[in-house]
Amino acid sequence: MWLGEQITERGIGNGISLIIFAGIVARMPNAIASTFELLRIGQMNVVLILALLVLMVLVVAVISSSRRVNGGSRFSMPSELSDEEVYGGQSTHLPLKLNTSGVIPPIFASSILMFPLTDRELLA
């Protein structure tokens, strides 16, 4: 937490998000090698690997498109009010993020997904 706060304070970006991203990227080569090893010994087939790749691309596309959605309400800011009439002014919108919690949902989701594996390891 401290390191993440230091990264954020220095203006590099959202510190905790960058640390989580670095952890994911650091594990990626091992995960790819493990997948190819499973393919080599026959525990996974090519169709399953292709389906997983398509699913990953779709998830990234949906998340990217939802981040670009510029939601919010349009409202007018009058420059002058006189006898209930608006003169001049600007029309703008209030941008609202769809996911205001940032990286918290993926952290909890990964914990929930790892629970059965952890439970099996402890009971074995």
Protein backbone atom coordinates (compact mmCIF):
# COMPACT_ATOMS: atom_id res chain seq x y z
CA MET A 1 0.00 0.00 0.00
CA TRP A 2 2.78 2.41 0.89
CA LEU A 3 4.59 1.86 -2.42
CA GLY A 4 1.33 2.35 -4.33
CA GLU A 5 0.70 5.62 -2.51
CA GLN A 6 4.23 6.80 -3.28
CA ILE A 7 3.77 6.05 -6.98
CA THR A 8 0.46 7.93 -7.01
CA GLU A 9 1.92 10.93 -5.14
CA ARG A 10 4.83 11.22 -7.59
CA GLY A 11 2.31 11.56 -10.43
CA ILE A 12 3.34 8.44 -12.34
CA GLY A 13 -0.20 7.05 -12.26
CA ASN A 14 -2.51 5.05 -10.05
CA GLY A 15 0.10 3.26 -7.94
CA ILE A 16 -1.88 0.23 -6.79
CA SER A 17 -3.16 -0.39 -10.33
CA LEU A 18 0.38 -0.22 -11.71
CA ILE A 19 1.65 -2.71 -9.10
CA ILE A 20 -1.18 -5.14 -9.88
CA PHE A 21 -0.54 -4.75 -13.61
CA ALA A 22 3.18 -5.39 -13.12
CA GLY A 23 2.37 -8.57 -11.19
CA ILE A 24 0.09 -9.82 -13.96
CA VAL A 25 2.65 -9.06 -16.67
CA ALA A 26 5.44 -10.72 -14.66
CA ARG A 27 3.46 -13.98 -14.43
CA MET A 28 2.43 -13.98 -18.09
CA PRO A 29 5.49 -15.78 -19.58
CA ASN A 30 5.15 -18.62 -17.06
CA ALA A 31 1.42 -18.93 -17.78
CA ILE A 32 2.04 -19.08 -21.54
CA ALA A 33 4.76 -21.72 -21.10
CA SER A 34 2.44 -23.77 -18.86
CA THR A 35 -0.33 -23.59 -21.45
CA PHE A 36 1.98 -24.85 -24.19
CA GLU A 37 3.18 -27.63 -21.89
CA LEU A 38 -0.43 -28.70 -21.27
CA LEU A 39 -0.99 -28.66 -25.04
CA ARG A 40 2.14 -30.76 -25.59
CA ILE A 41 1.18 -33.48 -23.11
CA GLY A 42 -2.42 -33.58 -24.34
CA GLN A 43 -4.31 -32.16 -21.36
CA MET A 44 -5.52 -29.19 -23.46
CA ASN A 45 -6.44 -29.13 -27.09
CA VAL A 46 -5.96 -26.42 -29.70
CA VAL A 47 -9.70 -25.65 -29.85
CA LEU A 48 -9.80 -24.85 -26.13
CA ILE A 49 -6.75 -22.60 -26.38
CA LEU A 50 -8.27 -20.74 -29.34
CA ALA A 51 -11.56 -20.37 -27.46
CA LEU A 52 -9.69 -18.90 -24.48
CA LEU A 53 -7.84 -16.47 -26.75
CA VAL A 54 -11.12 -15.33 -28.34
CA LEU A 55 -12.66 -14.92 -24.89
CA MET A 56 -9.69 -12.84 -23.71
CA VAL A 57 -9.91 -10.56 -26.75
CA LEU A 58 -13.68 -10.14 -26.25
CA VAL A 59 -13.24 -9.24 -22.58
CA VAL A 60 -10.60 -6.63 -23.44
CA ALA A 61 -12.81 -5.21 -26.20
CA VAL A 62 -15.86 -4.95 -23.93
CA ILE A 63 -13.88 -3.31 -21.14
CA SER A 64 -12.22 -0.88 -23.56
CA SER A 65 -15.51 0.09 -25.17
CA SER A 66 -17.21 0.55 -21.81
CA ARG A 67 -14.38 2.82 -20.66
CA ARG A 68 -14.93 5.01 -23.72
CA VAL A 69 -18.64 5.45 -23.01
CA ASN A 70 -19.11 9.03 -22.00
CA GLY A 71 -22.17 8.75 -19.81
CA GLY A 72 -23.74 11.46 -17.81
CA SER A 73 -26.47 14.03 -17.92
CA ARG A 74 -26.59 17.05 -20.15
CA PHE A 75 -27.30 20.30 -18.40
CA SER A 76 -27.21 23.98 -19.24
CA MET A 77 -25.36 26.61 -17.28
CA PRO A 78 -27.06 29.95 -17.79
CA SER A 79 -24.96 33.05 -17.98
CA GLU A 80 -27.89 35.31 -17.05
CA LEU A 81 -31.31 34.72 -15.53
CA SER A 82 -34.01 37.36 -15.84
CA ASP A 83 -37.76 36.89 -15.20
CA GLU A 84 -37.51 33.08 -15.44
CA GLU A 85 -35.78 33.28 -18.84
CA VAL A 86 -32.27 32.07 -19.61
CA TYR A 87 -29.96 34.24 -21.70
CA GLY A 88 -26.76 32.84 -23.17
CA GLY A 89 -24.86 30.19 -21.28
CA GLN A 90 -23.33 26.85 -22.15
CA SER A 91 -24.58 23.33 -22.57
CA THR A 92 -22.31 20.61 -21.23
CA HIS A 93 -22.45 17.18 -19.64
CA LEU A 94 -21.29 15.66 -16.38
CA PRO A 95 -19.05 12.66 -17.21
CA LEU A 96 -19.64 9.66 -14.96
CA LYS A 97 -17.50 6.54 -14.94
CA LEU A 98 -19.27 3.21 -15.24
CA ASN A 99 -16.88 1.47 -12.85
CA THR A 100 -15.95 3.91 -10.14
CA SER A 101 -14.28 1.30 -7.94
CA GLY A 102 -11.23 0.79 -10.19
CA VAL A 103 -9.32 -2.44 -9.62
CA ILE A 104 -11.20 -3.66 -6.54
CA PRO A 105 -13.66 -5.96 -8.43
CA PRO A 106 -10.90 -7.94 -10.21
CA ILE A 107 -9.06 -8.41 -6.92
CA PHE A 108 -12.13 -9.85 -5.24
CA ALA A 109 -12.98 -11.91 -8.32
CA SER A 110 -9.53 -13.50 -8.36
CA SER A 111 -9.85 -14.28 -4.65
CA ILE A 112 -13.21 -15.94 -5.19
CA LEU A 113 -11.87 -17.93 -8.16
CA MET A 114 -8.88 -19.14 -6.14
CA PHE A 115 -10.98 -20.26 -3.15
CA PRO A 116 -11.91 -23.76 -4.47
CA LEU A 117 -8.28 -24.47 -5.39
CA THR A 118 -7.05 -23.31 -1.97
CA ASP A 119 -9.77 -25.33 -0.25
CA ARG A 120 -8.81 -28.45 -2.21
CA GLU A 121 -5.13 -27.96 -1.37
CA LEU A 122 -5.86 -27.62 2.34
CA LEU A 123 -8.16 -30.66 2.49
CA ALA A 124 -5.88 -32.94 0.45
